[in-house]
Protein backbone atom coordinates (compact mmCIF):
# COMPACT_ATOMS: atom_id res chain seq x y z
CA MET A 1 -47.37 20.98 -23.07
CA ASP A 2 -49.95 19.28 -20.92
CA ILE A 3 -50.29 15.52 -21.53
CA LYS A 4 -54.03 15.71 -22.11
CA ALA A 5 -53.68 18.64 -24.52
CA ALA A 6 -50.99 16.80 -26.47
CA TYR A 7 -53.18 13.69 -26.56
CA LYS A 8 -56.15 15.66 -27.86
CA LYS A 9 -54.02 17.31 -30.56
CA SER A 10 -52.62 13.94 -31.66
CA ALA A 11 -56.04 12.27 -31.52
CA LEU A 12 -57.48 14.90 -33.83
CA LYS A 13 -54.53 14.60 -36.20
CA TYR A 14 -54.36 10.78 -36.37
CA HIS A 15 -58.01 9.79 -35.96
CA PRO A 16 -58.91 7.20 -38.61
CA ASP A 17 -61.87 9.28 -39.79
CA ARG A 18 -59.49 12.11 -40.75
CA ASN A 19 -56.40 10.14 -41.70
CA PRO A 20 -56.73 6.90 -43.72
CA LEU A 21 -53.46 5.60 -42.25
CA GLY A 22 -54.42 6.74 -38.79
CA ALA A 23 -55.66 3.47 -37.31
CA GLU A 24 -52.20 2.20 -36.36
CA LEU A 25 -51.00 5.65 -35.34
CA MET A 26 -54.07 6.14 -33.17
CA LYS A 27 -53.39 2.83 -31.41
CA ALA A 28 -49.87 4.04 -30.64
CA VAL A 29 -51.16 7.40 -29.39
CA ASN A 30 -53.70 5.66 -27.14
CA THR A 31 -51.09 3.26 -25.77
CA ALA A 32 -48.71 6.11 -24.97
CA PHE A 33 -51.46 8.17 -23.35
CA ASP A 34 -52.60 5.23 -21.21
CA PHE A 35 -49.02 4.58 -20.10
CA LEU A 36 -48.42 8.22 -19.20
CA MET A 37 -51.69 8.56 -17.31
CA ALA A 38 -51.01 5.33 -15.38
CA ASN A 39 -47.64 6.76 -14.30
CA ILE A 40 -48.64 10.40 -13.81
CA ASP A 41 -47.61 10.40 -10.14
CA LYS A 42 -44.08 9.29 -11.02
CA ILE A 43 -43.87 11.88 -13.79
CA ASN A 44 -45.03 14.67 -11.50
CA SER A 45 -42.58 13.71 -8.76
CA PHE A 46 -39.74 13.62 -11.29
CA GLN A 47 -40.65 17.04 -12.66
CA SER A 48 -40.86 18.60 -9.20
CA THR A 49 -37.27 17.68 -8.29
């Protein structure tokens, strides 16, 4: 699954407006997405080998 598609799916699922417990989960989703996007070049080079 594409990183952005997975992020969007998780964001919709854990958004605090939809899920009362979603604030902490959304922070974790955002942190993971930011980390992955910052390292996308490394991820792509690993996947291509």
